[in-house]
Protein backbone atom coordinates (compact mmCIF):
# COMPACT_ATOMS: atom_id res chain seq x y z
CA MET A 1 11.51 -1.20 -21.41
CA GLY A 2 8.73 -0.25 -23.80
CA LYS A 3 6.78 2.93 -24.57
CA THR A 4 5.15 2.83 -21.12
CA GLY A 5 8.46 3.14 -19.29
CA ILE A 6 7.68 -0.02 -17.31
CA LYS A 7 9.69 -3.11 -18.02
CA SER A 8 8.25 -6.59 -17.87
CA GLY A 9 8.50 -8.19 -14.44
CA THR A 10 8.27 -4.84 -12.63
CA ASN A 11 6.38 -5.00 -9.34
CA ILE A 12 3.60 -2.39 -9.03
CA GLY A 13 1.27 -2.44 -6.07
CA GLY A 14 2.35 -5.95 -5.13
CA ARG A 15 1.69 -7.27 -8.63
CA SER A 16 4.21 -8.27 -11.24
CA ILE A 17 3.65 -6.68 -14.64
CA PRO A 18 3.48 -9.41 -17.30
CA GLY A 19 4.89 -9.05 -20.78
CA ASN A 20 1.63 -7.69 -22.25
CA ARG A 21 1.94 -4.21 -20.72
CA PRO A 22 -0.29 -2.29 -23.15
CA MET A 23 -3.28 -4.54 -22.48
CA LEU A 24 -2.73 -4.44 -18.71
CA LEU A 25 -2.34 -0.67 -18.65
CA ALA A 26 -5.48 -0.27 -20.79
CA ARG A 27 -7.39 -2.44 -18.29
CA TRP A 28 -6.10 -0.37 -15.36
CA GLY A 29 -7.14 2.78 -17.22
CA ARG A 30 -10.65 1.44 -17.79
CA LEU A 31 -10.99 0.34 -14.17
CA GLY A 32 -9.61 3.68 -12.98
CA TYR A 33 -12.16 5.48 -15.12
CA GLY A 34 -14.84 3.28 -13.54
CA LYS A 35 -13.73 4.28 -10.03
CA LEU A 36 -13.83 7.96 -10.98
CA ARG A 37 -17.20 7.55 -12.75
CA ARG A 38 -18.75 5.92 -9.67
CA PHE A 39 -17.42 8.64 -7.38
CA VAL A 40 -18.87 11.38 -9.60
CA LEU A 41 -22.22 9.60 -9.97
CA VAL A 42 -22.59 8.99 -6.23
CA HIS A 43 -21.79 12.57 -5.27
CA PHE A 44 -23.12 14.58 -8.22
CA ASN A 45 -25.82 12.52 -9.97
CA ARG A 46 -27.82 11.02 -7.13
CA ARG A 47 -31.02 10.87 -9.19
CA TYR A 48 -29.42 8.47 -11.69
CA VAL A 49 -27.94 6.36 -8.89
CA GLN A 50 -31.28 6.17 -7.08
CA SER A 51 -33.12 5.10 -10.24
CA GLN A 52 -30.53 2.37 -10.88
CA LEU A 53 -30.70 1.08 -7.31
CA LEU A 54 -34.49 0.81 -7.52
CA GLN A 55 -34.13 -1.46 -10.57
CA ARG A 56 -31.24 -3.53 -9.19
CA LYS A 57 -31.93 -7.11 -8.10
CA GLY A 58 -29.89 -9.64 -6.17
CA LYS A 59 -27.77 -9.27 -3.08
CA CYS A 60 -24.15 -8.87 -2.05
CA SER A 61 -22.34 -12.17 -1.62
CA GLN A 62 -19.34 -10.37 -0.07
CA CYS A 63 -17.00 -11.93 -2.62
CA GLY A 64 -14.69 -8.90 -2.42
CA TYR A 65 -13.99 -8.55 -6.16
CA CYS A 66 -15.34 -5.00 -6.18
CA CYS A 67 -12.84 -4.24 -3.39
CA ARG A 68 -9.90 -5.36 -5.53
CA LEU A 69 -10.60 -3.86 -8.95
CA ILE A 70 -7.29 -2.03 -9.31
CA PHE A 71 -5.69 -2.48 -5.91
CA PRO A 72 -6.90 -4.18 -2.74
CA CYS A 73 -8.89 -1.97 -0.38
CA THR A 74 -7.11 -1.31 2.91
CA MET A 75 -10.26 -2.42 4.75
CA LEU A 76 -10.01 -6.01 3.47
CA THR A 77 -8.85 -8.67 5.89
CA ARG A 78 -6.39 -11.36 4.83
CA GLY A 79 -9.42 -13.60 4.32
CA GLY A 80 -10.90 -11.08 1.85
CA LEU A 81 -13.70 -9.81 4.10
CA CYS A 82 -14.47 -6.15 4.72
CA ARG A 83 -13.58 -4.89 8.20
CA VAL A 84 -16.25 -2.17 8.04
CA TYR A 85 -18.98 -3.91 6.01
CA SER A 86 -21.64 -3.43 8.70
CA GLY A 87 -20.29 -0.10 9.82
CA ARG A 88 -18.95 3.02 8.18
CA ARG A 89 -18.20 2.04 4.58
CA TRP A 90 -17.65 4.62 1.89
CA LEU A 91 -20.88 5.58 0.13
CA VAL A 92 -19.48 4.29 -3.17
CA CYS A 93 -18.90 0.91 -1.52
CA LYS A 94 -22.38 0.79 -0.03
CA ILE A 95 -24.11 1.23 -3.37
CA PHE A 96 -21.80 -0.76 -5.67
CA PRO A 97 -22.71 -1.74 -8.38
CA ILE A 98 -24.53 1.24 -9.83
CA ASP A 99 -25.12 -0.22 -13.29
CA ASP A 100 -24.05 -2.87 -15.79
CA ARG A 101 -20.74 -1.15 -16.43
CA ASP A 102 -19.74 -1.93 -12.85
CA LEU A 103 -20.64 -5.58 -13.36
CA ASP A 104 -18.39 -5.58 -16.45
CA ASP A 105 -15.52 -4.27 -14.28
CA VAL A 106 -16.03 -7.11 -11.77
CA LYS A 107 -16.19 -9.64 -14.59
CA SER A 108 -12.94 -8.31 -16.08
CA ALA A 109 -11.31 -8.84 -12.67
CA GLY A 110 -12.36 -12.50 -12.76
CA GLY A 111 -15.35 -12.19 -10.45
CA ARG A 112 -19.07 -12.62 -10.69
CA CYS A 113 -21.34 -10.19 -8.87
CA GLU A 114 -24.68 -11.48 -7.57
CA TYR A 115 -26.46 -8.21 -8.45
CA TYR A 116 -28.20 -7.88 -11.80
CA TRP A 117 -30.67 -5.80 -13.82
CA ASP A 118 -33.49 -7.18 -16.00
């Protein structure tokens, strides 16, 4: 067990923690910050969000990477599709990605988002 209190091989959220705990925990921290940042922007800085959405290009390919950034969303089917995509999704989900930082989060999770900014 290291400084984090989590020993290698520990199962957290259905995932086994590899030997490089500090790097993994730093990634989770960055992705967690991204989730919090998006929530705050959507609910408290709508002007910024609206300006970003007006500049955004591309379309959603429904790849599901944004739904699995830290942990899988409970609305994902076993096939990786959203159960409520056409219905009552969270506002944060409807507008994802807000900016390039969100695309960096998807990229760090191994995905490639079809949205982009010039």
